[in-house]
């Protein structure tokens, strides 16, 4: 089992350091997913409510349409998409 509990979580600073946020929130999870697939391991990856825009009056679920409004949310969503692109579910 591979647990990815790491993330670039400085929401405001991510606006100024998008490259660093992308490396940590997108590139690293993609590499972990590739390695998990290669060795047959389970990958546990933590998401964030920042992948949504906050406009819902109801609690979000995994099936709701994401709509991130900042770099942090966009990179976290892109990381999830990168994991799925490797063939793992998030």
N, C-alpha and C. Protein backbone atom coordinates (compact mmCIF):
# COMPACT_ATOMS: atom_id res chain seq x y z
N UNK A 1 0.84 -1.17 0.00
CA UNK A 1 0.00 0.00 0.00
C UNK A 1 0.89 1.24 0.00
N UNK A 2 0.54 2.19 -0.85
CA UNK A 2 1.22 3.48 -0.89
C UNK A 2 0.21 4.52 -0.44
N UNK A 3 0.56 5.30 0.57
CA UNK A 3 -0.32 6.35 1.08
C UNK A 3 0.29 7.70 0.73
N UNK A 4 -0.43 8.48 -0.05
CA UNK A 4 0.04 9.82 -0.39
C UNK A 4 -0.71 10.82 0.48
N UNK A 5 -0.09 11.18 1.58
CA UNK A 5 -0.67 12.18 2.48
C UNK A 5 0.00 13.54 2.27
N UNK A 6 0.89 13.63 1.30
CA UNK A 6 1.60 14.88 1.03
C UNK A 6 0.82 15.73 0.04
N UNK A 7 0.94 17.02 0.19
CA UNK A 7 0.33 17.95 -0.77
C UNK A 7 0.91 19.33 -0.55
N UNK A 8 0.90 20.10 -1.60
CA UNK A 8 1.22 21.52 -1.47
C UNK A 8 -0.07 22.17 -1.02
N UNK A 9 -0.15 22.52 0.26
CA UNK A 9 -1.43 22.94 0.85
C UNK A 9 -1.52 24.42 1.19
N UNK A 10 -0.49 25.17 0.88
CA UNK A 10 -0.56 26.61 1.14
C UNK A 10 -1.39 27.25 0.03
N UNK A 11 -2.69 27.35 0.28
CA UNK A 11 -3.65 27.75 -0.75
C UNK A 11 -3.29 29.10 -1.36
N UNK A 12 -3.06 30.09 -0.55
CA UNK A 12 -2.75 31.43 -1.07
C UNK A 12 -1.40 31.46 -1.78
N UNK A 13 -0.42 30.80 -1.22
CA UNK A 13 0.91 30.81 -1.81
C UNK A 13 0.95 30.05 -3.13
N UNK A 14 0.08 29.07 -3.30
CA UNK A 14 0.02 28.32 -4.55
C UNK A 14 -0.27 29.23 -5.73
N UNK A 15 -0.99 30.32 -5.49
CA UNK A 15 -1.26 31.27 -6.57
C UNK A 15 0.03 31.88 -7.11
N UNK A 16 1.04 32.00 -6.27
CA UNK A 16 2.32 32.57 -6.67
C UNK A 16 3.35 31.51 -7.03
N UNK A 17 3.12 30.29 -6.57
CA UNK A 17 4.08 29.20 -6.79
C UNK A 17 3.40 28.02 -7.47
N UNK A 18 2.77 28.31 -8.60
CA UNK A 18 2.01 27.26 -9.30
C UNK A 18 2.89 26.09 -9.72
N UNK A 19 4.11 26.37 -10.15
CA UNK A 19 5.00 25.30 -10.59
C UNK A 19 5.27 24.32 -9.44
N UNK A 20 5.57 24.84 -8.27
CA UNK A 20 5.83 23.98 -7.12
C UNK A 20 4.57 23.20 -6.72
N UNK A 21 3.42 23.88 -6.74
CA UNK A 21 2.16 23.21 -6.41
C UNK A 21 1.88 22.09 -7.41
N UNK A 22 2.18 22.33 -8.67
CA UNK A 22 1.94 21.31 -9.71
C UNK A 22 2.86 20.11 -9.52
N UNK A 23 4.12 20.36 -9.19
CA UNK A 23 5.06 19.25 -8.97
C UNK A 23 4.57 18.35 -7.84
N UNK A 24 4.15 18.96 -6.74
CA UNK A 24 3.74 18.19 -5.57
C UNK A 24 2.35 17.59 -5.71
N UNK A 25 1.41 18.35 -6.27
CA UNK A 25 0.00 17.91 -6.31
C UNK A 25 -0.38 17.16 -7.57
N UNK A 26 0.43 17.25 -8.62
CA UNK A 26 0.09 16.56 -9.87
C UNK A 26 1.16 15.54 -10.23
N UNK A 27 2.39 16.01 -10.38
CA UNK A 27 3.46 15.12 -10.85
C UNK A 27 3.75 13.99 -9.87
N UNK A 28 3.85 14.31 -8.58
CA UNK A 28 4.16 13.27 -7.58
C UNK A 28 3.06 12.20 -7.50
N UNK A 29 1.77 12.58 -7.43
CA UNK A 29 0.75 11.53 -7.42
C UNK A 29 0.75 10.68 -8.69
N UNK A 30 1.06 11.30 -9.83
CA UNK A 30 1.13 10.52 -11.07
C UNK A 30 2.23 9.47 -10.98
N UNK A 31 3.39 9.86 -10.45
CA UNK A 31 4.49 8.90 -10.30
C UNK A 31 4.13 7.80 -9.30
N UNK A 32 3.47 8.19 -8.20
CA UNK A 32 3.05 7.18 -7.23
C UNK A 32 2.06 6.21 -7.84
N UNK A 33 1.15 6.71 -8.66
CA UNK A 33 0.17 5.85 -9.32
C UNK A 33 0.86 4.88 -10.28
N UNK A 34 1.82 5.39 -11.03
CA UNK A 34 2.55 4.52 -11.95
C UNK A 34 3.28 3.41 -11.20
N UNK A 35 3.90 3.77 -10.09
CA UNK A 35 4.62 2.77 -9.30
C UNK A 35 3.65 1.79 -8.65
N UNK A 36 2.54 2.30 -8.13
CA UNK A 36 1.54 1.41 -7.52
C UNK A 36 1.03 0.40 -8.55
N UNK A 37 0.77 0.87 -9.75
CA UNK A 37 0.30 -0.03 -10.80
C UNK A 37 1.38 -1.06 -11.14
N UNK A 38 2.61 -0.59 -11.24
CA UNK A 38 3.72 -1.48 -11.61
C UNK A 38 3.91 -2.61 -10.61
N UNK A 39 3.77 -2.30 -9.31
CA UNK A 39 4.02 -3.32 -8.28
C UNK A 39 2.74 -3.96 -7.75
N UNK A 40 1.59 -3.52 -8.26
CA UNK A 40 0.32 -4.08 -7.82
C UNK A 40 -0.11 -3.63 -6.44
N UNK A 41 0.27 -2.41 -6.08
CA UNK A 41 -0.06 -1.88 -4.76
C UNK A 41 -1.33 -1.02 -4.81
N UNK A 42 -1.96 -0.90 -3.70
CA UNK A 42 -3.08 0.01 -3.52
C UNK A 42 -2.51 1.40 -3.27
N UNK A 43 -3.08 2.41 -3.93
CA UNK A 43 -2.67 3.80 -3.70
C UNK A 43 -3.81 4.52 -2.99
N UNK A 44 -3.49 5.07 -1.82
CA UNK A 44 -4.45 5.90 -1.08
C UNK A 44 -4.01 7.34 -1.29
N UNK A 45 -4.91 8.14 -1.84
CA UNK A 45 -4.60 9.54 -2.16
C UNK A 45 -5.69 10.42 -1.57
N UNK A 46 -5.28 11.44 -0.84
CA UNK A 46 -6.25 12.33 -0.20
C UNK A 46 -6.62 13.48 -1.13
N UNK A 47 -7.90 13.76 -1.20
CA UNK A 47 -8.40 14.87 -1.99
C UNK A 47 -8.64 16.07 -1.09
N UNK A 48 -9.42 17.02 -1.59
CA UNK A 48 -9.74 18.23 -0.84
C UNK A 48 -11.07 18.78 -1.32
N UNK A 49 -11.75 19.50 -0.45
CA UNK A 49 -12.99 20.15 -0.86
C UNK A 49 -12.71 21.32 -1.81
N UNK A 50 -11.46 21.70 -1.94
CA UNK A 50 -11.10 22.79 -2.85
C UNK A 50 -11.26 22.42 -4.33
N UNK A 51 -11.53 21.15 -4.63
CA UNK A 51 -11.80 20.80 -6.02
C UNK A 51 -13.20 21.25 -6.43
N UNK A 52 -13.98 21.73 -5.47
CA UNK A 52 -15.31 22.28 -5.73
C UNK A 52 -15.29 23.79 -5.52
N UNK A 53 -16.28 24.47 -6.07
CA UNK A 53 -16.30 25.94 -5.97
C UNK A 53 -16.99 26.47 -4.73
N UNK A 54 -17.61 25.59 -3.94
CA UNK A 54 -18.24 26.01 -2.70
C UNK A 54 -19.64 26.57 -2.85
N UNK A 55 -20.22 26.46 -4.04
CA UNK A 55 -21.53 27.07 -4.27
C UNK A 55 -22.70 26.17 -3.90
N UNK A 56 -22.44 24.91 -3.59
CA UNK A 56 -23.53 24.00 -3.26
C UNK A 56 -24.02 24.23 -1.82
N UNK A 57 -25.31 24.12 -1.64
CA UNK A 57 -25.87 24.23 -0.30
C UNK A 57 -25.91 22.86 0.39
N UNK A 58 -25.55 21.82 -0.34
CA UNK A 58 -25.52 20.46 0.19
C UNK A 58 -24.08 19.98 0.30
N UNK A 59 -23.82 19.01 1.16
CA UNK A 59 -22.47 18.44 1.22
C UNK A 59 -22.10 17.82 -0.13
N UNK A 60 -20.86 17.96 -0.52
CA UNK A 60 -20.39 17.38 -1.78
C UNK A 60 -20.17 15.88 -1.64
N UNK A 61 -20.32 15.18 -2.75
CA UNK A 61 -20.03 13.75 -2.81
C UNK A 61 -18.99 13.53 -3.91
N UNK A 62 -18.47 12.34 -3.96
CA UNK A 62 -17.45 12.00 -4.96
C UNK A 62 -17.98 12.10 -6.38
N UNK A 63 -19.28 12.04 -6.56
CA UNK A 63 -19.85 12.08 -7.91
C UNK A 63 -20.22 13.48 -8.37
N UNK A 64 -20.10 14.48 -7.50
CA UNK A 64 -20.40 15.86 -7.90
C UNK A 64 -19.35 16.38 -8.88
N UNK A 65 -19.78 17.27 -9.75
CA UNK A 65 -18.88 17.86 -10.75
C UNK A 65 -17.90 18.82 -10.07
N UNK A 66 -16.59 18.57 -10.20
CA UNK A 66 -15.63 19.50 -9.60
C UNK A 66 -15.58 20.81 -10.39
N UNK A 67 -15.22 21.87 -9.71
CA UNK A 67 -15.07 23.18 -10.33
C UNK A 67 -14.15 24.02 -9.45
N UNK A 68 -12.84 23.69 -9.45
CA UNK A 68 -11.92 24.43 -8.58
C UNK A 68 -11.79 25.89 -9.01
N UNK A 69 -11.61 26.77 -8.03
CA UNK A 69 -11.54 28.20 -8.32
C UNK A 69 -10.17 28.80 -8.01
N UNK A 70 -9.21 27.95 -7.63
CA UNK A 70 -7.87 28.47 -7.36
C UNK A 70 -6.83 27.43 -7.77
N UNK A 71 -5.57 27.84 -7.76
CA UNK A 71 -4.48 26.97 -8.20
C UNK A 71 -4.41 25.71 -7.35
N UNK A 72 -4.56 25.86 -6.05
CA UNK A 72 -4.52 24.69 -5.18
C UNK A 72 -5.57 23.65 -5.60
N UNK A 73 -6.81 24.07 -5.73
CA UNK A 73 -7.87 23.15 -6.14
C UNK A 73 -7.65 22.58 -7.52
N UNK A 74 -7.18 23.40 -8.43
CA UNK A 74 -6.93 22.93 -9.80
C UNK A 74 -5.82 21.89 -9.83
N UNK A 75 -4.76 22.10 -9.04
CA UNK A 75 -3.68 21.12 -9.05
C UNK A 75 -4.08 19.83 -8.33
N UNK A 76 -4.87 19.94 -7.28
CA UNK A 76 -5.34 18.73 -6.60
C UNK A 76 -6.24 17.91 -7.54
N UNK A 77 -7.12 18.58 -8.27
CA UNK A 77 -7.97 17.89 -9.24
C UNK A 77 -7.13 17.27 -10.34
N UNK A 78 -6.15 18.00 -10.83
CA UNK A 78 -5.28 17.46 -11.87
C UNK A 78 -4.52 16.24 -11.38
N UNK A 79 -4.15 16.23 -10.11
CA UNK A 79 -3.50 15.05 -9.53
C UNK A 79 -4.41 13.84 -9.53
N UNK A 80 -5.68 14.06 -9.19
CA UNK A 80 -6.65 12.96 -9.23
C UNK A 80 -6.83 12.45 -10.66
N UNK A 81 -6.89 13.38 -11.60
CA UNK A 81 -7.03 12.99 -13.00
C UNK A 81 -5.80 12.24 -13.49
N UNK A 82 -4.63 12.62 -13.02
CA UNK A 82 -3.39 11.93 -13.40
C UNK A 82 -3.40 10.49 -12.87
N UNK A 83 -3.91 10.31 -11.67
CA UNK A 83 -4.00 8.95 -11.10
C UNK A 83 -4.95 8.10 -11.95
N UNK A 84 -6.11 8.67 -12.29
CA UNK A 84 -7.05 7.93 -13.13
C UNK A 84 -6.46 7.62 -14.50
N UNK A 85 -5.66 8.53 -15.05
CA UNK A 85 -5.06 8.32 -16.37
C UNK A 85 -4.10 7.12 -16.37
N UNK A 86 -3.52 6.82 -15.21
CA UNK A 86 -2.63 5.66 -15.10
C UNK A 86 -3.46 4.38 -15.05
N UNK A 87 -4.72 4.50 -14.76
CA UNK A 87 -5.59 3.33 -14.71
C UNK A 87 -6.01 2.95 -13.30
N UNK A 88 -5.78 3.84 -12.34
CA UNK A 88 -6.22 3.61 -10.97
C UNK A 88 -7.42 4.48 -10.70
N UNK A 89 -8.31 4.03 -9.84
CA UNK A 89 -9.46 4.87 -9.48
C UNK A 89 -9.11 5.70 -8.26
N UNK A 90 -9.79 6.85 -8.15
CA UNK A 90 -9.54 7.72 -7.00
C UNK A 90 -10.74 7.74 -6.09
